[in-house]
Structure formats: structure tokens, C-alpha cells
Amino acid sequence: STLEKAKERLRNLPKDYTYDEARQLLNRLGYRENTQGKTSGSRVGFLSQVDDSVILLHKPHPKNEMSAGAVKALATFLKAKGDL
């Protein structure tokens, strides 16, 4: 499925992983982007609809590719939650 392919791509920690891919994956996993308040700038919070946990991602600019550290942190977070 598309979701499984997206999870596998993140598990591989690609160097060209984009913020758009992360946002789509998180949305499919039941996280909602919070674009209000303190996270409305380059730091964007994603709130789990299941347990109210939050992950903050840095919205890269000017390009869409996330840093290797941010990709690893996202993968680690999702693995710990059992979502990856």
C-alpha cells in the first residue's frame, strides 16, 4: 500500500526526504498539523489524534528537503510510538 511504501522510505533514512513526504505520512498516521501559535513559523507541530502527543518538525527553507538529523528524529519518534 501507499502507506507501507511511505513508512519503508522513512525507515531507510533517505538523504532526499522532504517535508512534504513527512507531512503526508504523519497525516496518514492520524497526526494533524498545527499552524497556529508558536509553531506557525519554521517549527511546525503535529498533534496525534490518538494520544495527544506532539512532534515538532523544522520546516526547511528555501528547499523542501529535511536535514538528516530531522529525518532520523522523525523515524525514531514514530518507531517509539509503534507507528513505523
C-alpha atoms as a PDB file:
ATOM      1  CA  SER A   1       0.000   0.000   0.000  1.00  0.00           C
ATOM      2  CA  THR A   2       0.980   3.638  -0.288  1.00  0.00           C
ATOM      3  CA  LEU A   3       1.247   3.974   3.493  1.00  0.00           C
ATOM      4  CA  GLU A   4       3.594   0.984   3.768  1.00  0.00           C
ATOM      5  CA  LYS A   5       5.789   2.365   0.972  1.00  0.00           C
ATOM      6  CA  ALA A   6       5.946   5.731   2.738  1.00  0.00           C
ATOM      7  CA  LYS A   7       6.910   4.045   6.014  1.00  0.00           C
ATOM      8  CA  GLU A   8       9.605   1.966   4.302  1.00  0.00           C
ATOM      9  CA  ARG A   9      11.071   5.062   2.675  1.00  0.00           C
ATOM     10  CA  LEU A  10      11.393   6.764   6.061  1.00  0.00           C
ATOM     11  CA  ARG A  11      12.866   3.605   7.646  1.00  0.00           C
ATOM     12  CA  ASN A  12      15.675   3.807   5.074  1.00  0.00           C
ATOM     13  CA  LEU A  13      16.555   7.357   6.253  1.00  0.00           C
ATOM     14  CA  PRO A  14      16.975   8.803   2.743  1.00  0.00           C
ATOM     15  CA  LYS A  15      19.094  11.900   2.298  1.00  0.00           C
ATOM     16  CA  ASP A  16      16.478  13.441  -0.004  1.00  0.00           C
ATOM     17  CA  TYR A  17      13.457  13.037   2.326  1.00  0.00           C
ATOM     18  CA  THR A  18      11.170  16.040   2.047  1.00  0.00           C
ATOM     19  CA  TYR A  19       8.976  17.913   4.477  1.00  0.00           C
ATOM     20  CA  ASP A  20       6.005  17.247   2.184  1.00  0.00           C
ATOM     21  CA  GLU A  21       6.607  13.496   2.477  1.00  0.00           C
ATOM     22  CA  ALA A  22       6.804  13.785   6.263  1.00  0.00           C
ATOM     23  CA  ARG A  23       3.591  15.802   6.408  1.00  0.00           C
ATOM     24  CA  GLN A  24       1.732  13.296   4.205  1.00  0.00           C
ATOM     25  CA  LEU A  25       2.965  10.338   6.253  1.00  0.00           C
ATOM     26  CA  LEU A  26       2.048  11.974   9.550  1.00  0.00           C
ATOM     27  CA  ASN A  27      -1.413  12.860   8.207  1.00  0.00           C
ATOM     28  CA  ARG A  28      -1.977   9.234   7.163  1.00  0.00           C
ATOM     29  CA  LEU A  29      -0.914   8.115  10.640  1.00  0.00           C
ATOM     30  CA  GLY A  30      -3.508  10.371  12.290  1.00  0.00           C
ATOM     31  CA  TYR A  31      -1.412  13.443  13.114  1.00  0.00           C
ATOM     32  CA  ARG A  32      -2.759  16.896  12.371  1.00  0.00           C
ATOM     33  CA  GLU A  33      -0.585  19.868  11.516  1.00  0.00           C
ATOM     34  CA  ASN A  34      -0.865  22.735  13.986  1.00  0.00           C
ATOM     35  CA  THR A  35      -0.257  26.008  12.147  1.00  0.00           C
ATOM     36  CA  GLN A  36      -1.272  28.324  14.982  1.00  0.00           C
ATOM     37  CA  GLY A  37       0.620  29.914  17.817  1.00  0.00           C
ATOM     38  CA  LYS A  38       4.311  29.351  18.459  1.00  0.00           C
ATOM     39  CA  THR A  39       4.607  26.635  15.826  1.00  0.00           C
ATOM     40  CA  SER A  40       3.327  28.744  12.938  1.00  0.00           C
ATOM     41  CA  GLY A  41       6.825  29.696  11.752  1.00  0.00           C
ATOM     42  CA  SER A  42       9.599  27.351  10.726  1.00  0.00           C
ATOM     43  CA  ARG A  43       8.778  24.925  13.578  1.00  0.00           C
ATOM     44  CA  VAL A  44       5.583  23.032  12.896  1.00  0.00           C
ATOM     45  CA  GLY A  45       3.855  20.821  15.417  1.00  0.00           C
ATOM     46  CA  PHE A  46       1.964  17.672  14.508  1.00  0.00           C
ATOM     47  CA  LEU A  47      -0.589  16.530  17.089  1.00  0.00           C
ATOM     48  CA  SER A  48      -1.596  12.867  17.358  1.00  0.00           C
ATOM     49  CA  GLN A  49      -5.354  12.403  17.240  1.00  0.00           C
ATOM     50  CA  VAL A  50      -4.893   9.163  19.224  1.00  0.00           C
ATOM     51  CA  ASP A  51      -2.952  10.212  22.316  1.00  0.00           C
ATOM     52  CA  ASP A  52      -2.322  13.981  22.030  1.00  0.00           C
ATOM     53  CA  SER A  53       1.439  13.506  21.625  1.00  0.00           C
ATOM     54  CA  VAL A  54       3.226  16.154  19.570  1.00  0.00           C
ATOM     55  CA  ILE A  55       6.220  16.074  17.294  1.00  0.00           C
ATOM     56  CA  LEU A  56       7.842  19.308  16.171  1.00  0.00           C
ATOM     57  CA  LEU A  57       9.445  19.426  12.746  1.00  0.00           C
ATOM     58  CA  HIS A  58      11.548  22.172  11.263  1.00  0.00           C
ATOM     59  CA  LYS A  59      10.007  23.306   8.002  1.00  0.00           C
ATOM     60  CA  PRO A  60      13.038  23.572   5.712  1.00  0.00           C
ATOM     61  CA  HIS A  61      13.556  26.595   3.516  1.00  0.00           C
ATOM     62  CA  PRO A  62      14.209  27.548   0.818  1.00  0.00           C
ATOM     63  CA  LYS A  63      14.344  23.895  -0.254  1.00  0.00           C
ATOM     64  CA  ASN A  64      11.910  21.186   0.823  1.00  0.00           C
ATOM     65  CA  GLU A  65      14.492  18.566   1.877  1.00  0.00           C
ATOM     66  CA  MET A  66      14.781  17.862   5.591  1.00  0.00           C
ATOM     67  CA  SER A  67      18.137  17.590   7.344  1.00  0.00           C
ATOM     68  CA  ALA A  68      19.470  14.104   8.081  1.00  0.00           C
ATOM     69  CA  GLY A  69      19.075  14.736  11.806  1.00  0.00           C
ATOM     70  CA  ALA A  70      15.427  15.726  11.421  1.00  0.00           C
ATOM     71  CA  VAL A  71      14.671  12.624   9.334  1.00  0.00           C
ATOM     72  CA  LYS A  72      16.338  10.399  11.929  1.00  0.00           C
ATOM     73  CA  ALA A  73      14.464  12.123  14.777  1.00  0.00           C
ATOM     74  CA  LEU A  74      11.144  11.630  12.970  1.00  0.00           C
ATOM     75  CA  ALA A  75      11.871   7.944  12.362  1.00  0.00           C
ATOM     76  CA  THR A  76      12.941   7.439  15.984  1.00  0.00           C
ATOM     77  CA  PHE A  77       9.803   9.162  17.283  1.00  0.00           C
ATOM     78  CA  LEU A  78       7.474   7.112  15.085  1.00  0.00           C
ATOM     79  CA  LYS A  79       9.263   3.844  15.938  1.00  0.00           C
ATOM     80  CA  ALA A  80       8.929   4.566  19.665  1.00  0.00           C
ATOM     81  CA  LYS A  81       5.189   5.173  19.172  1.00  0.00           C
ATOM     82  CA  GLY A  82       4.818   1.940  17.210  1.00  0.00           C
ATOM     83  CA  ASP A  83       3.780   3.823  14.081  1.00  0.00           C
ATOM     84  CA  LEU A  84       6.764   2.891  11.938  1.00  0.00           C
END
